């Protein structure tokens, strides 16, 4: 994983209100997004974050010691 499970949970927890607030900001700018569109965009964003998190790294990370040292 590219990010710890706890870190992924934090990112997902912050993403949900950010998506809701993005709808509000877009409404102020005159762009109207329906609740269904917001949910669909949110699902796409959250799915992309999860797929990125569980994808193997680029191989640039230092190998970890098998004995924990």
N, C-alpha and C. Protein backbone atom coordinates (compact mmCIF):
# COMPACT_ATOMS: atom_id res chain seq x y z
N UNK A 1 0.83 -1.19 0.00
CA UNK A 1 0.00 0.00 0.00
C UNK A 1 0.87 1.24 0.00
N UNK A 2 0.39 2.28 -0.65
CA UNK A 2 1.13 3.53 -0.70
C UNK A 2 0.91 4.38 0.54
N UNK A 3 -0.15 4.10 1.27
CA UNK A 3 -0.52 4.90 2.44
C UNK A 3 -1.03 3.92 3.50
N UNK A 4 -0.88 4.28 4.75
CA UNK A 4 -1.34 3.38 5.81
C UNK A 4 -2.86 3.34 5.81
N UNK A 5 -3.45 2.27 6.34
CA UNK A 5 -4.91 2.21 6.41
C UNK A 5 -5.51 3.37 7.20
N UNK A 6 -4.84 3.79 8.26
CA UNK A 6 -5.34 4.93 9.04
C UNK A 6 -5.28 6.21 8.21
N UNK A 7 -4.21 6.39 7.47
CA UNK A 7 -4.09 7.57 6.61
C UNK A 7 -5.14 7.58 5.51
N UNK A 8 -5.43 6.40 4.96
CA UNK A 8 -6.47 6.30 3.94
C UNK A 8 -7.83 6.68 4.52
N UNK A 9 -8.10 6.23 5.74
CA UNK A 9 -9.36 6.57 6.40
C UNK A 9 -9.48 8.07 6.62
N UNK A 10 -8.40 8.71 7.00
CA UNK A 10 -8.42 10.16 7.19
C UNK A 10 -8.67 10.88 5.87
N UNK A 11 -8.00 10.45 4.81
CA UNK A 11 -8.20 11.07 3.49
C UNK A 11 -9.65 10.93 3.04
N UNK A 12 -10.22 9.73 3.21
CA UNK A 12 -11.61 9.52 2.82
C UNK A 12 -12.56 10.34 3.68
N UNK A 13 -12.25 10.46 4.96
CA UNK A 13 -13.12 11.23 5.85
C UNK A 13 -13.10 12.72 5.49
N UNK A 14 -11.96 13.23 5.06
CA UNK A 14 -11.90 14.64 4.66
C UNK A 14 -12.48 14.85 3.25
N UNK A 15 -12.46 13.82 2.42
CA UNK A 15 -12.94 13.96 1.05
C UNK A 15 -14.46 14.14 1.00
N UNK A 16 -15.18 13.47 1.87
CA UNK A 16 -16.65 13.54 1.82
C UNK A 16 -17.16 14.96 2.06
N UNK A 17 -16.79 15.63 3.16
CA UNK A 17 -17.27 17.01 3.32
C UNK A 17 -16.72 17.95 2.25
N UNK A 18 -15.52 17.68 1.75
CA UNK A 18 -14.96 18.54 0.71
C UNK A 18 -15.81 18.46 -0.56
N UNK A 19 -16.30 17.28 -0.89
CA UNK A 19 -17.16 17.13 -2.06
C UNK A 19 -18.49 17.86 -1.86
N UNK A 20 -19.04 17.79 -0.67
CA UNK A 20 -20.30 18.48 -0.39
C UNK A 20 -20.10 19.99 -0.48
N UNK A 21 -19.01 20.47 0.09
CA UNK A 21 -18.74 21.91 0.05
C UNK A 21 -18.40 22.37 -1.36
N UNK A 22 -17.82 21.51 -2.17
CA UNK A 22 -17.52 21.87 -3.56
C UNK A 22 -18.81 22.15 -4.32
N UNK A 23 -19.86 21.40 -4.00
CA UNK A 23 -21.16 21.65 -4.64
C UNK A 23 -21.67 23.05 -4.27
N UNK A 24 -21.48 23.43 -3.01
CA UNK A 24 -21.91 24.75 -2.56
C UNK A 24 -21.11 25.85 -3.26
N UNK A 25 -19.82 25.67 -3.35
CA UNK A 25 -18.96 26.67 -4.01
C UNK A 25 -19.33 26.79 -5.48
N UNK A 26 -19.58 25.66 -6.13
CA UNK A 26 -19.98 25.72 -7.54
C UNK A 26 -21.31 26.44 -7.71
N UNK A 27 -22.23 26.27 -6.76
CA UNK A 27 -23.52 26.96 -6.84
C UNK A 27 -23.32 28.47 -6.76
N UNK A 28 -22.39 28.92 -5.92
CA UNK A 28 -22.09 30.36 -5.84
C UNK A 28 -21.52 30.87 -7.16
N UNK A 29 -20.82 30.01 -7.88
CA UNK A 29 -20.23 30.41 -9.15
C UNK A 29 -21.21 30.27 -10.31
N UNK A 30 -22.43 29.84 -10.01
CA UNK A 30 -23.44 29.71 -11.05
C UNK A 30 -23.47 28.36 -11.73
N UNK A 31 -22.71 27.40 -11.23
CA UNK A 31 -22.71 26.05 -11.79
C UNK A 31 -23.56 25.18 -10.87
N UNK A 32 -24.67 24.69 -11.40
CA UNK A 32 -25.58 23.90 -10.57
C UNK A 32 -25.33 22.42 -10.81
N UNK A 33 -25.04 21.72 -9.72
CA UNK A 33 -24.76 20.30 -9.76
C UNK A 33 -25.82 19.62 -8.90
N UNK A 34 -26.48 18.62 -9.47
CA UNK A 34 -27.53 17.93 -8.72
C UNK A 34 -26.91 17.04 -7.64
N UNK A 35 -27.70 16.69 -6.63
CA UNK A 35 -27.19 15.78 -5.60
C UNK A 35 -26.73 14.43 -6.17
N UNK A 36 -27.44 13.93 -7.17
CA UNK A 36 -27.04 12.67 -7.79
C UNK A 36 -25.68 12.80 -8.47
N UNK A 37 -25.46 13.91 -9.16
CA UNK A 37 -24.16 14.14 -9.79
C UNK A 37 -23.06 14.24 -8.74
N UNK A 38 -23.37 14.87 -7.62
CA UNK A 38 -22.40 14.98 -6.54
C UNK A 38 -22.02 13.61 -6.01
N UNK A 39 -23.02 12.74 -5.83
CA UNK A 39 -22.76 11.38 -5.34
C UNK A 39 -21.91 10.61 -6.34
N UNK A 40 -22.24 10.72 -7.61
CA UNK A 40 -21.48 9.99 -8.64
C UNK A 40 -20.04 10.49 -8.72
N UNK A 41 -19.85 11.79 -8.69
CA UNK A 41 -18.49 12.34 -8.70
C UNK A 41 -17.74 11.91 -7.45
N UNK A 42 -18.43 11.93 -6.31
CA UNK A 42 -17.81 11.50 -5.06
C UNK A 42 -17.38 10.05 -5.11
N UNK A 43 -18.23 9.19 -5.65
CA UNK A 43 -17.86 7.78 -5.77
C UNK A 43 -16.66 7.59 -6.68
N UNK A 44 -16.60 8.35 -7.77
CA UNK A 44 -15.45 8.26 -8.67
C UNK A 44 -14.17 8.72 -7.98
N UNK A 45 -14.26 9.83 -7.25
CA UNK A 45 -13.08 10.36 -6.56
C UNK A 45 -12.62 9.39 -5.47
N UNK A 46 -13.55 8.89 -4.66
CA UNK A 46 -13.18 7.98 -3.58
C UNK A 46 -12.63 6.67 -4.12
N UNK A 47 -13.21 6.18 -5.22
CA UNK A 47 -12.70 4.96 -5.84
C UNK A 47 -11.28 5.18 -6.37
N UNK A 48 -11.05 6.32 -6.98
CA UNK A 48 -9.70 6.63 -7.49
C UNK A 48 -8.69 6.70 -6.35
N UNK A 49 -9.08 7.29 -5.23
CA UNK A 49 -8.17 7.38 -4.08
C UNK A 49 -7.85 5.99 -3.54
N UNK A 50 -8.87 5.16 -3.41
CA UNK A 50 -8.65 3.81 -2.89
C UNK A 50 -7.79 3.00 -3.85
N UNK A 51 -8.06 3.09 -5.15
CA UNK A 51 -7.23 2.36 -6.13
C UNK A 51 -5.79 2.84 -6.10
N UNK A 52 -5.59 4.15 -5.96
CA UNK A 52 -4.23 4.66 -5.86
C UNK A 52 -3.55 4.14 -4.60
N UNK A 53 -4.29 4.08 -3.50
CA UNK A 53 -3.70 3.68 -2.23
C UNK A 53 -3.30 2.20 -2.21
N UNK A 54 -4.07 1.35 -2.85
CA UNK A 54 -3.77 -0.08 -2.80
C UNK A 54 -2.86 -0.52 -3.94
N UNK A 55 -2.60 0.35 -4.90
CA UNK A 55 -1.70 0.00 -6.00
C UNK A 55 -0.28 -0.14 -5.47
N UNK A 56 0.48 -1.05 -6.05
CA UNK A 56 1.87 -1.18 -5.60
C UNK A 56 2.65 0.10 -5.89
N UNK A 57 3.64 0.36 -5.04
CA UNK A 57 4.47 1.56 -5.19
C UNK A 57 5.31 1.49 -6.44
N UNK A 58 6.02 2.57 -6.72
CA UNK A 58 6.84 2.66 -7.93
C UNK A 58 8.17 1.93 -7.80
N UNK A 59 8.44 1.38 -6.64
CA UNK A 59 9.69 0.65 -6.44
C UNK A 59 10.82 1.52 -5.96
N UNK A 60 10.56 2.78 -5.65
CA UNK A 60 11.61 3.67 -5.19
C UNK A 60 11.75 3.66 -3.68
N UNK A 61 10.89 2.92 -3.00
CA UNK A 61 10.95 2.85 -1.54
C UNK A 61 12.10 1.93 -1.12
N UNK A 62 12.69 2.23 0.01
CA UNK A 62 13.74 1.38 0.54
C UNK A 62 13.13 0.07 1.02
N UNK A 63 13.78 -1.04 0.76
CA UNK A 63 13.23 -2.32 1.24
C UNK A 63 13.24 -2.37 2.76
N UNK A 64 12.20 -2.95 3.30
CA UNK A 64 12.13 -3.05 4.76
C UNK A 64 12.86 -4.31 5.21
N UNK A 65 13.40 -4.24 6.40
CA UNK A 65 14.11 -5.37 6.97
C UNK A 65 13.10 -6.44 7.41
N UNK A 66 13.34 -7.70 7.08
CA UNK A 66 12.39 -8.74 7.48
C UNK A 66 12.36 -8.98 8.99
N UNK A 67 13.44 -8.64 9.69
CA UNK A 67 13.46 -8.87 11.13
C UNK A 67 13.07 -7.62 11.92
N UNK A 68 12.56 -6.60 11.24
CA UNK A 68 12.08 -5.40 11.91
C UNK A 68 13.16 -4.42 12.26
N UNK A 69 14.37 -4.60 11.82
CA UNK A 69 15.46 -3.72 12.20
C UNK A 69 15.97 -2.96 11.08
